[in-house]
Amino acid sequence: MAIITISRQMGTGAYEIAKDVAKRLKYSLVDDSKIVELAAAYGLTEEELQSVDEKPPVSLTDDDQRHAAYLSAIELLLLECCSRGNVVVYGRGGQDLLSGLDNLLRLRFVAPFEDRVENFAEREWLDPDLAKTLIRKSDQQRSGFINYYFDRDWNDPLGYDLVFNTSSLSPGTIVESIIAAVRDPLLAGAEAESLRLLVDKILCKRIETELLKSGRVEYLHFRTEVASGVVTFSGHVNSDADRQTAIAIAKGVAGALRVIDQLQVVEYRRYRGRQ
């Protein structure tokens, strides 16, 4: 069946709907608690999760590559959960991380700002002014996260298949609409090819994660692509040693059948702040 991804504004009530959909369809819900549960297996601590989860980078520093490694590990976790099938991915840019898969149902939940403030304040027993501040901050972080890492406008409706205004429709109606959409024959017919593409995405992400975690390749100004187990590197690196290291790391990742090297060696000085 289709993989479901959920993008949501804070205060829309999307989480309860996601839980109901997962329960009705007998899907696994990949949410905060699931990610925390699996994090250790991907070498992540809860503190590391919190530092990058659905947040854009706050500055350009020597920690960038380390933070990118954390994010890449989270993305690998999400992709491998999806490979098991029957899954709802809650947030984390799932609709963009899984782009290219035709069995993807991309959902978006929105509501007027004042309605979200009221809902959130009531649910969390918060002062409305504090609720406003938290919702604005959440919107900014999630929008910045999608814009920075996926180069897309978080609010663009064309990034989703269904957009629900939770102030206009009851949760029950929304759940029934989602269940009907999941059973669309077009999604079912795309499962085999989507699984093949997902296998390549996972291998690509494993390689990217290993490169970032290694700390042995200075700045990753190159692209990694995978097609049927064949890995292609393109772009540039700072030295021939970096080039050889990147190729060796990729060859050491299970599932990589061959590495095509299209890298160029271009020496440059790392940015170290204002001169």
C-alpha atoms as a PDB file:
ATOM      1  CA  MET A   1       0.000   0.000   0.000  1.00  0.00           C
ATOM      2  CA  ALA A   2       0.956   3.651  -0.215  1.00  0.00           C
ATOM      3  CA  ILE A   3       3.515   5.330   2.014  1.00  0.00           C
ATOM      4  CA  ILE A   4       1.829   8.257   3.787  1.00  0.00           C
ATOM      5  CA  THR A   5       3.735  11.408   4.704  1.00  0.00           C
ATOM      6  CA  ILE A   6       2.318  14.147   6.900  1.00  0.00           C
ATOM      7  CA  SER A   7       3.343  17.801   6.955  1.00  0.00           C
ATOM      8  CA  ARG A   8       1.565  19.895   9.535  1.00  0.00           C
ATOM      9  CA  GLN A   9       1.330  23.291  11.119  1.00  0.00           C
ATOM     10  CA  MET A  10       1.436  23.250  14.915  1.00  0.00           C
ATOM     11  CA  GLY A  11      -2.019  23.372  16.481  1.00  0.00           C
ATOM     12  CA  THR A  12      -3.923  21.720  13.634  1.00  0.00           C
ATOM     13  CA  GLY A  13      -4.603  18.462  15.482  1.00  0.00           C
ATOM     14  CA  ALA A  14      -2.737  16.496  12.824  1.00  0.00           C
ATOM     15  CA  TYR A  15      -1.162  14.059  15.277  1.00  0.00           C
ATOM     16  CA  GLU A  16      -4.448  12.567  16.473  1.00  0.00           C
ATOM     17  CA  ILE A  17      -5.549  12.171  12.868  1.00  0.00           C
ATOM     18  CA  ALA A  18      -2.237  10.486  12.006  1.00  0.00           C
ATOM     19  CA  LYS A  19      -2.712   8.027  14.881  1.00  0.00           C
ATOM     20  CA  ASP A  20      -6.269   7.236  13.762  1.00  0.00           C
ATOM     21  CA  VAL A  21      -5.183   6.677  10.166  1.00  0.00           C
ATOM     22  CA  ALA A  22      -2.340   4.384  11.232  1.00  0.00           C
ATOM     23  CA  LYS A  23      -4.676   2.417  13.489  1.00  0.00           C
ATOM     24  CA  ARG A  24      -7.364   2.038  10.823  1.00  0.00           C
ATOM     25  CA  LEU A  25      -4.895   0.941   8.152  1.00  0.00           C
ATOM     26  CA  LYS A  26      -2.721  -1.125  10.533  1.00  0.00           C
ATOM     27  CA  TYR A  27       0.261   1.033   9.566  1.00  0.00           C
ATOM     28  CA  SER A  28       3.310   1.862  11.679  1.00  0.00           C
ATOM     29  CA  LEU A  29       3.448   5.510  12.738  1.00  0.00           C
ATOM     30  CA  VAL A  30       6.969   6.935  12.563  1.00  0.00           C
ATOM     31  CA  ASP A  31       6.752   9.861  14.976  1.00  0.00           C
ATOM     32  CA  ASP A  32       8.890  11.390  17.734  1.00  0.00           C
ATOM     33  CA  SER A  33       8.651   8.376  20.027  1.00  0.00           C
ATOM     34  CA  LYS A  34       9.466   5.893  17.257  1.00  0.00           C
ATOM     35  CA  ILE A  35      12.511   7.886  16.171  1.00  0.00           C
ATOM     36  CA  VAL A  36      13.759   8.097  19.765  1.00  0.00           C
ATOM     37  CA  GLU A  37      13.184   4.347  20.154  1.00  0.00           C
ATOM     38  CA  LEU A  38      15.290   3.551  17.070  1.00  0.00           C
ATOM     39  CA  ALA A  39      17.882   6.322  17.385  1.00  0.00           C
ATOM     40  CA  ALA A  40      20.526   4.343  19.276  1.00  0.00           C
ATOM     41  CA  ALA A  41      20.700   1.757  16.490  1.00  0.00           C
ATOM     42  CA  TYR A  42      21.732   4.594  14.163  1.00  0.00           C
ATOM     43  CA  GLY A  43      24.341   5.981  16.541  1.00  0.00           C
ATOM     44  CA  LEU A  44      22.189   8.907  17.667  1.00  0.00           C
ATOM     45  CA  THR A  45      21.601  10.220  21.172  1.00  0.00           C
ATOM     46  CA  GLU A  46      18.424  12.046  22.148  1.00  0.00           C
ATOM     47  CA  GLU A  47      20.447  15.260  22.471  1.00  0.00           C
ATOM     48  CA  GLU A  48      21.748  14.875  18.926  1.00  0.00           C
ATOM     49  CA  LEU A  49      18.215  14.282  17.677  1.00  0.00           C
ATOM     50  CA  GLN A  50      17.007  17.469  19.327  1.00  0.00           C
ATOM     51  CA  SER A  51      19.838  19.529  17.854  1.00  0.00           C
ATOM     52  CA  VAL A  52      18.825  18.967  14.220  1.00  0.00           C
ATOM     53  CA  ASP A  53      15.312  17.509  14.137  1.00  0.00           C
ATOM     54  CA  GLU A  54      13.171  19.653  11.798  1.00  0.00           C
ATOM     55  CA  LYS A  55      15.456  22.657  12.297  1.00  0.00           C
ATOM     56  CA  PRO A  56      17.574  24.592   9.802  1.00  0.00           C
ATOM     57  CA  PRO A  57      21.221  25.207  10.749  1.00  0.00           C
ATOM     58  CA  VAL A  58      21.655  28.251  12.977  1.00  0.00           C
ATOM     59  CA  SER A  59      25.094  29.198  11.638  1.00  0.00           C
ATOM     60  CA  LEU A  60      27.890  28.137   9.318  1.00  0.00           C
ATOM     61  CA  THR A  61      30.569  26.628  11.529  1.00  0.00           C
ATOM     62  CA  ASP A  62      32.980  23.739  11.759  1.00  0.00           C
ATOM     63  CA  ASP A  63      30.120  21.763  13.337  1.00  0.00           C
ATOM     64  CA  ASP A  64      28.145  21.747  10.078  1.00  0.00           C
ATOM     65  CA  GLN A  65      29.422  18.372   8.925  1.00  0.00           C
ATOM     66  CA  ARG A  66      28.752  16.801  12.315  1.00  0.00           C
ATOM     67  CA  HIS A  67      25.191  18.136  12.341  1.00  0.00           C
ATOM     68  CA  ALA A  68      24.729  16.997   8.742  1.00  0.00           C
ATOM     69  CA  ALA A  69      25.773  13.510   9.844  1.00  0.00           C
ATOM     70  CA  TYR A  70      23.060  13.510  12.524  1.00  0.00           C
ATOM     71  CA  LEU A  71      20.435  14.595  10.009  1.00  0.00           C
ATOM     72  CA  SER A  72      21.584  12.023   7.469  1.00  0.00           C
ATOM     73  CA  ALA A  73      21.277   9.284  10.096  1.00  0.00           C
ATOM     74  CA  ILE A  74      17.712  10.397  10.888  1.00  0.00           C
ATOM     75  CA  GLU A  75      16.873  10.309   7.176  1.00  0.00           C
ATOM     76  CA  LEU A  76      18.355   6.822   6.863  1.00  0.00           C
ATOM     77  CA  LEU A  77      16.216   5.723   9.809  1.00  0.00           C
ATOM     78  CA  LEU A  78      13.093   7.075   8.075  1.00  0.00           C
ATOM     79  CA  LEU A  79      13.933   5.480   4.719  1.00  0.00           C
ATOM     80  CA  GLU A  80      14.560   2.075   6.266  1.00  0.00           C
ATOM     81  CA  CYS A  81      11.260   2.274   8.163  1.00  0.00           C
ATOM     82  CA  CYS A  82       9.535   2.976   4.852  1.00  0.00           C
ATOM     83  CA  SER A  83      11.217  -0.008   3.211  1.00  0.00           C
ATOM     84  CA  ARG A  84       9.280  -2.289   5.564  1.00  0.00           C
ATOM     85  CA  GLY A  85       6.023  -0.974   4.093  1.00  0.00           C
ATOM     86  CA  ASN A  86       2.725   0.206   5.575  1.00  0.00           C
ATOM     87  CA  VAL A  87       4.029   3.344   7.244  1.00  0.00           C
ATOM     88  CA  VAL A  88       2.939   6.881   8.130  1.00  0.00           C
ATOM     89  CA  VAL A  89       5.883   9.299   8.310  1.00  0.00           C
ATOM     90  CA  TYR A  90       5.021  12.168  10.617  1.00  0.00           C
ATOM     91  CA  GLY A  91       6.931  15.342   9.674  1.00  0.00           C
ATOM     92  CA  ARG A  92      10.709  15.375   9.049  1.00  0.00           C
ATOM     93  CA  GLY A  93      10.255  16.449   5.422  1.00  0.00           C
ATOM     94  CA  GLY A  94       9.074  12.972   4.479  1.00  0.00           C
ATOM     95  CA  GLN A  95       7.314  14.187   1.337  1.00  0.00           C
ATOM     96  CA  ASP A  96      10.633  15.623   0.077  1.00  0.00           C
ATOM     97  CA  LEU A  97      12.941  12.895   1.367  1.00  0.00           C
ATOM     98  CA  LEU A  98      10.841  10.322  -0.521  1.00  0.00           C
ATOM     99  CA  SER A  99      10.344  12.401  -3.669  1.00  0.00           C
ATOM    100  CA  GLY A 100      10.305  10.336  -6.844  1.00  0.00           C
ATOM    101  CA  LEU A 101       8.309   7.469  -5.345  1.00  0.00           C
ATOM    102  CA  ASP A 102       4.955   7.166  -7.103  1.00  0.00           C
ATOM    103  CA  ASN A 103       3.265   5.231  -4.294  1.00  0.00           C
ATOM    104  CA  LEU A 104       3.608   8.243  -1.989  1.00  0.00           C
ATOM    105  CA  LEU A 105       0.542  10.001  -0.532  1.00  0.00           C
ATOM    106  CA  ARG A 106       1.691  13.430   0.651  1.00  0.00           C
ATOM    107  CA  LEU A 107      -0.650  15.068   3.170  1.00  0.00           C
ATOM    108  CA  ARG A 108      -0.630  18.620   4.519  1.00  0.00           C
ATOM    109  CA  PHE A 109      -2.595  19.937   7.529  1.00  0.00           C
ATOM    110  CA  VAL A 110      -3.271  23.651   7.940  1.00  0.00           C
ATOM    111  CA  ALA A 111      -5.646  25.933   9.861  1.00  0.00           C
ATOM    112  CA  PRO A 112      -6.033  29.680  10.500  1.00  0.00           C
ATOM    113  CA  PHE A 113      -3.411  31.028  12.910  1.00  0.00           C
ATOM    114  CA  GLU A 114      -5.871  32.097  15.619  1.00  0.00           C
ATOM    115  CA  ASP A 115      -7.586  28.695  15.553  1.00  0.00           C
ATOM    116  CA  ARG A 116      -4.237  26.980  15.972  1.00  0.00           C
ATOM    117  CA  VAL A 117      -3.346  29.213  18.899  1.00  0.00           C
ATOM    118  CA  GLU A 118      -6.640  28.439  20.616  1.00  0.00           C
ATOM    119  CA  ASN A 119      -6.326  24.702  20.011  1.00  0.00           C
ATOM    120  CA  PHE A 120      -2.722  24.536  21.171  1.00  0.00           C
ATOM    121  CA  ALA A 121      -3.251  26.702  24.260  1.00  0.00           C
ATOM    122  CA  GLU A 122      -6.239  24.608  25.314  1.00  0.00           C
ATOM    123  CA  ARG A 123      -4.515  21.286  24.691  1.00  0.00           C
ATOM    124  CA  GLU A 124      -1.300  22.216  26.520  1.00  0.00           C
ATOM    125  CA  TRP A 125      -2.870  24.457  29.191  1.00  0.00           C
ATOM    126  CA  LEU A 126      -0.813  27.434  28.016  1.00  0.00           C
ATOM    127  CA  ASP A 127      -1.242  31.173  28.138  1.00  0.00           C
ATOM    128  CA  PRO A 128      -2.469  32.261  24.646  1.00  0.00           C
ATOM    129  CA  ASP A 129       0.415  34.724  24.241  1.00  0.00           C
ATOM    130  CA  LEU A 130       2.921  31.955  24.903  1.00  0.00           C
ATOM    131  CA  ALA A 131       1.056  29.685  22.493  1.00  0.00           C
ATOM    132  CA  LYS A 132       1.343  32.369  19.795  1.00  0.00           C
ATOM    133  CA  THR A 133       5.094  32.622  20.339  1.00  0.00           C
ATOM    134  CA  LEU A 134       5.616  28.863  20.212  1.00  0.00           C
ATOM    135  CA  ILE A 135       3.521  28.431  17.081  1.00  0.00           C
ATOM    136  CA  ARG A 136       5.327  31.239  15.255  1.00  0.00           C
ATOM    137  CA  LYS A 137       8.672  29.705  16.210  1.00  0.00           C
ATOM    138  CA  SER A 138       7.537  26.257  15.064  1.00  0.00           C
ATOM    139  CA  ASP A 139       6.320  27.613  11.721  1.00  0.00           C
ATOM    140  CA  GLN A 140       9.609  29.416  11.155  1.00  0.00           C
ATOM    141  CA  GLN A 141      11.734  26.400  12.040  1.00  0.00           C
ATOM    142  CA  ARG A 142       9.783  23.940   9.908  1.00  0.00           C
ATOM    143  CA  SER A 143       9.619  26.301   6.967  1.00  0.00           C
ATOM    144  CA  GLY A 144      13.345  27.005   7.254  1.00  0.00           C
ATOM    145  CA  PHE A 145      14.134  23.295   7.527  1.00  0.00           C
ATOM    146  CA  ILE A 146      12.313  22.443   4.279  1.00  0.00           C
ATOM    147  CA  ASN A 147      13.698  25.480   2.476  1.00  0.00           C
ATOM    148  CA  TYR A 148      17.314  24.876   3.520  1.00  0.00           C
ATOM    149  CA  TYR A 149      17.564  21.107   3.134  1.00  0.00           C
ATOM    150  CA  PHE A 150      15.111  20.493   0.273  1.00  0.00           C
ATOM    151  CA  ASP A 151      15.049  23.883  -1.484  1.00  0.00           C
ATOM    152  CA  ARG A 152      11.256  24.034  -1.458  1.00  0.00           C
ATOM    153  CA  ASP A 153       8.591  26.346  -0.053  1.00  0.00           C
ATOM    154  CA  TRP A 154       6.994  24.500   2.882  1.00  0.00           C
ATOM    155  CA  ASN A 155       3.654  26.204   2.162  1.00  0.00           C
ATOM    156  CA  ASP A 156       3.551  25.422  -1.579  1.00  0.00           C
ATOM    157  CA  PRO A 157       0.405  23.277  -2.074  1.00  0.00           C
ATOM    158  CA  LEU A 158       1.966  21.613  -5.125  1.00  0.00           C
ATOM    159  CA  GLY A 159       4.292  19.778  -2.752  1.00  0.00           C
ATOM    160  CA  TYR A 160       1.334  17.753  -1.451  1.00  0.00           C
ATOM    161  CA  ASP A 161      -1.419  15.541  -2.830  1.00  0.00           C
ATOM    162  CA  LEU A 162      -4.086  16.483  -0.280  1.00  0.00           C
ATOM    163  CA  VAL A 163      -4.269  19.629   1.872  1.00  0.00           C
ATOM    164  CA  PHE A 164      -6.722  19.624   4.795  1.00  0.00           C
ATOM    165  CA  ASN A 165      -7.968  22.680   6.664  1.00  0.00           C
ATOM    166  CA  THR A 166      -8.733  21.150  10.048  1.00  0.00           C
ATOM    167  CA  SER A 167     -10.917  24.117  10.988  1.00  0.00           C
ATOM    168  CA  SER A 168     -13.279  23.292   8.129  1.00  0.00           C
ATOM    169  CA  LEU A 169     -13.529  19.504   8.296  1.00  0.00           C
ATOM    170  CA  SER A 170     -14.102  17.086  11.162  1.00  0.00           C
ATOM    171  CA  PRO A 171     -11.315  14.608  12.030  1.00  0.00           C
ATOM    172  CA  GLY A 172     -13.571  11.710  11.058  1.00  0.00           C
ATOM    173  CA  THR A 173     -14.171  13.120   7.575  1.00  0.00           C
ATOM    174  CA  ILE A 174     -10.460  13.729   7.082  1.00  0.00           C
ATOM    175  CA  VAL A 175      -9.569  10.190   8.169  1.00  0.00           C
ATOM    176  CA  GLU A 176     -12.112   8.670   5.762  1.00  0.00           C
ATOM    177  CA  SER A 177     -10.777  10.836   2.923  1.00  0.00           C
ATOM    178  CA  ILE A 178      -7.219   9.673   3.577  1.00  0.00           C
ATOM    179  CA  ILE A 179      -8.203   6.018   3.718  1.00  0.00           C
ATOM    180  CA  ALA A 180     -10.058   6.346   0.406  1.00  0.00           C
ATOM    181  CA  ALA A 181      -7.027   8.034  -1.190  1.00  0.00           C
ATOM    182  CA  VAL A 182      -4.614   5.339   0.042  1.00  0.00           C
ATOM    183  CA  ARG A 183      -6.667   2.729  -1.804  1.00  0.00           C
ATOM    184  CA  ASP A 184      -6.415   4.535  -5.142  1.00  0.00           C
ATOM    185  CA  PRO A 185      -5.328   1.994  -7.808  1.00  0.00           C
ATOM    186  CA  LEU A 186      -2.717   4.426  -9.154  1.00  0.00           C
ATOM    187  CA  LEU A 187      -0.792   4.208  -5.891  1.00  0.00           C
ATOM    188  CA  ALA A 188      -1.050   0.434  -5.673  1.00  0.00           C
ATOM    189  CA  GLY A 189       0.196   0.052  -9.242  1.00  0.00           C
ATOM    190  CA  ALA A 190       3.350   2.008  -8.449  1.00  0.00           C
ATOM    191  CA  GLU A 191       4.529  -0.114  -5.518  1.00  0.00           C
ATOM    192  CA  ALA A 192       7.038  -2.372  -7.293  1.00  0.00           C
ATOM    193  CA  GLU A 193       8.936   0.408  -9.038  1.00  0.00           C
ATOM    194  CA  SER A 194       8.803   2.608  -5.943  1.00  0.00           C
ATOM    195  CA  LEU A 195      10.365  -0.172  -3.841  1.00  0.00           C
ATOM    196  CA  ARG A 196      13.242  -0.423  -6.316  1.00  0.00           C
ATOM    197  CA  LEU A 197      13.809   3.334  -6.118  1.00  0.00           C
ATOM    198  CA  LEU A 198      13.588   3.207  -2.326  1.00  0.00           C
ATOM    199  CA  VAL A 199      16.342   0.571  -2.194  1.00  0.00           C
ATOM    200  CA  ASP A 200      18.575   2.944  -4.177  1.00  0.00           C
ATOM    201  CA  LYS A 201      17.655   5.868  -1.912  1.00  0.00           C
ATOM    202  CA  ILE A 202      18.608   3.834   1.154  1.00  0.00           C
ATOM    203  CA  LEU A 203      21.975   2.847  -0.299  1.00  0.00           C
ATOM    204  CA  CYS A 204      22.637   6.459  -1.273  1.00  0.00           C
ATOM    205  CA  LYS A 205      21.780   7.653   2.225  1.00  0.00           C
ATOM    206  CA  ARG A 206      23.947   4.964   3.838  1.00  0.00           C
ATOM    207  CA  ILE A 207      26.911   6.144   1.792  1.00  0.00           C
ATOM    208  CA  GLU A 208      26.244   9.815   2.564  1.00  0.00           C
ATOM    209  CA  THR A 209      25.921   9.013   6.262  1.00  0.00           C
ATOM    210  CA  GLU A 210      29.200   7.087   6.323  1.00  0.00           C
ATOM    211  CA  LEU A 211      31.010   9.886   4.494  1.00  0.00           C
ATOM    212  CA  LEU A 212      29.742  12.473   6.957  1.00  0.00           C
ATOM    213  CA  LYS A 213      30.379  10.355  10.051  1.00  0.00           C
ATOM    214  CA  SER A 214      33.915   9.481   8.971  1.00  0.00           C
ATOM    215  CA  GLY A 215      35.168  13.060   9.250  1.00  0.00           C
ATOM    216  CA  ARG A 216      37.855  12.050   6.738  1.00  0.00           C
ATOM    217  CA  VAL A 217      36.508  13.964   3.729  1.00  0.00           C
ATOM    218  CA  GLU A 218      36.731  17.741   4.080  1.00  0.00           C
ATOM    219  CA  TYR A 219      33.449  19.378   3.063  1.00  0.00           C
ATOM    220  CA  LEU A 220      31.254  17.292   0.833  1.00  0.00           C
ATOM    221  CA  HIS A 221      30.883  19.511  -2.213  1.00  0.00           C
ATOM    222  CA  PHE A 222      29.855  16.647  -4.431  1.00  0.00           C
ATOM    223  CA  ARG A 223      26.779  14.652  -5.291  1.00  0.00           C
ATOM    224  CA  THR A 224      26.042  10.998  -4.674  1.00  0.00           C
ATOM    225  CA  GLU A 225      23.597   9.177  -6.941  1.00  0.00           C
ATOM    226  CA  VAL A 226      22.640   5.502  -6.950  1.00  0.00           C
ATOM    227  CA  ALA A 227      20.904   3.530  -9.686  1.00  0.00           C
ATOM    228  CA  SER A 228      20.444  -0.233  -9.324  1.00  0.00           C
ATOM    229  CA  GLY A 229      23.336  -0.416  -6.875  1.00  0.00           C
ATOM    230  CA  VAL A 230      25.744   1.574  -9.046  1.00  0.00           C
ATOM    231  CA  VAL A 231      27.094   4.634  -7.220  1.00  0.00           C
ATOM    232  CA  THR A 232      28.096   7.789  -9.087  1.00  0.00           C
ATOM    233  CA  PHE A 233      30.097  10.592  -7.492  1.00  0.00           C
ATOM    234  CA  SER A 234      30.171  13.941  -9.271  1.00  0.00           C
ATOM    235  CA  GLY A 235      31.207  17.474  -8.349  1.00  0.00           C
ATOM    236  CA  HIS A 236      34.494  18.343  -6.644  1.00  0.00           C
ATOM    237  CA  VAL A 237      36.661  17.566  -3.645  1.00  0.00           C
ATOM    238  CA  ASN A 238      39.534  19.420  -2.036  1.00  0.00           C
ATOM    239  CA  SER A 239      42.252  16.847  -2.689  1.00  0.00           C
ATOM    240  CA  ASP A 240      42.997  13.557  -4.375  1.00  0.00           C
ATOM    241  CA  ALA A 241      43.227  12.009  -0.919  1.00  0.00           C
ATOM    242  CA  ASP A 242      39.607  13.063  -0.254  1.00  0.00           C
ATOM    243  CA  ARG A 243      38.602  11.612  -3.593  1.00  0.00           C
ATOM    244  CA  GLN A 244      40.211   8.244  -2.883  1.00  0.00           C
ATOM    245  CA  THR A 245      38.783   8.168   0.650  1.00  0.00           C
ATOM    246  CA  ALA A 246      35.250   8.878  -0.577  1.00  0.00           C
ATOM    247  CA  ILE A 247      35.480   6.088  -3.151  1.00  0.00           C
ATOM    248  CA  ALA A 248      36.858   3.635  -0.577  1.00  0.00           C
ATOM    249  CA  ILE A 249      34.069   4.450   1.894  1.00  0.00           C
ATOM    250  CA  ALA A 250      31.388   3.983  -0.786  1.00  0.00           C
ATOM    251  CA  LYS A 251      32.845   0.630  -1.881  1.00  0.00           C
ATOM    252  CA  GLY A 252      32.746  -0.533   1.733  1.00  0.00           C
ATOM    253  CA  VAL A 253      28.987   0.017   2.096  1.00  0.00           C
ATOM    254  CA  ALA A 254      26.946  -3.160   1.634  1.00  0.00           C
ATOM    255  CA  GLY A 255      24.950  -3.113  -1.594  1.00  0.00           C
ATOM    256  CA  ALA A 256      27.306  -0.866  -3.565  1.00  0.00           C
ATOM    257  CA  LEU A 257      28.103  -2.848  -6.709  1.00  0.00           C
ATOM    258  CA  ARG A 258      30.355  -0.322  -8.417  1.00  0.00           C
ATOM    259  CA  VAL A 259      31.498   3.291  -8.000  1.00  0.00           C
ATOM    260  CA  ILE A 260      31.700   5.614 -10.991  1.00  0.00           C
ATOM    261  CA  ASP A 261      34.128   8.430 -10.245  1.00  0.00           C
ATOM    262  CA  GLN A 262      33.312  11.757 -11.889  1.00  0.00           C
ATOM    263  CA  LEU A 263      34.902  13.874  -9.155  1.00  0.00           C
ATOM    264  CA  GLN A 264      37.162  16.820  -9.871  1.00  0.00           C
ATOM    265  CA  VAL A 265      39.934  17.903  -7.496  1.00  0.00           C
ATOM    266  CA  VAL A 266      39.677  21.648  -6.849  1.00  0.00           C
ATOM    267  CA  GLU A 267      41.705  23.183  -4.038  1.00  0.00           C
ATOM    268  CA  TYR A 268      39.980  25.864  -2.003  1.00  0.00           C
ATOM    269  CA  ARG A 269      40.247  27.483   1.400  1.00  0.00           C
ATOM    270  CA  ARG A 270      37.617  26.715   3.953  1.00  0.00           C
ATOM    271  CA  TYR A 271      35.485  29.586   5.110  1.00  0.00           C
ATOM    272  CA  ARG A 272      36.492  30.530   8.668  1.00  0.00           C
ATOM    273  CA  GLY A 273      34.318  33.561   9.339  1.00  0.00           C
ATOM    274  CA  ARG A 274      34.977  37.218   8.732  1.00  0.00           C
ATOM    275  CA  GLN A 275      38.531  38.311   7.884  1.00  0.00           C
END
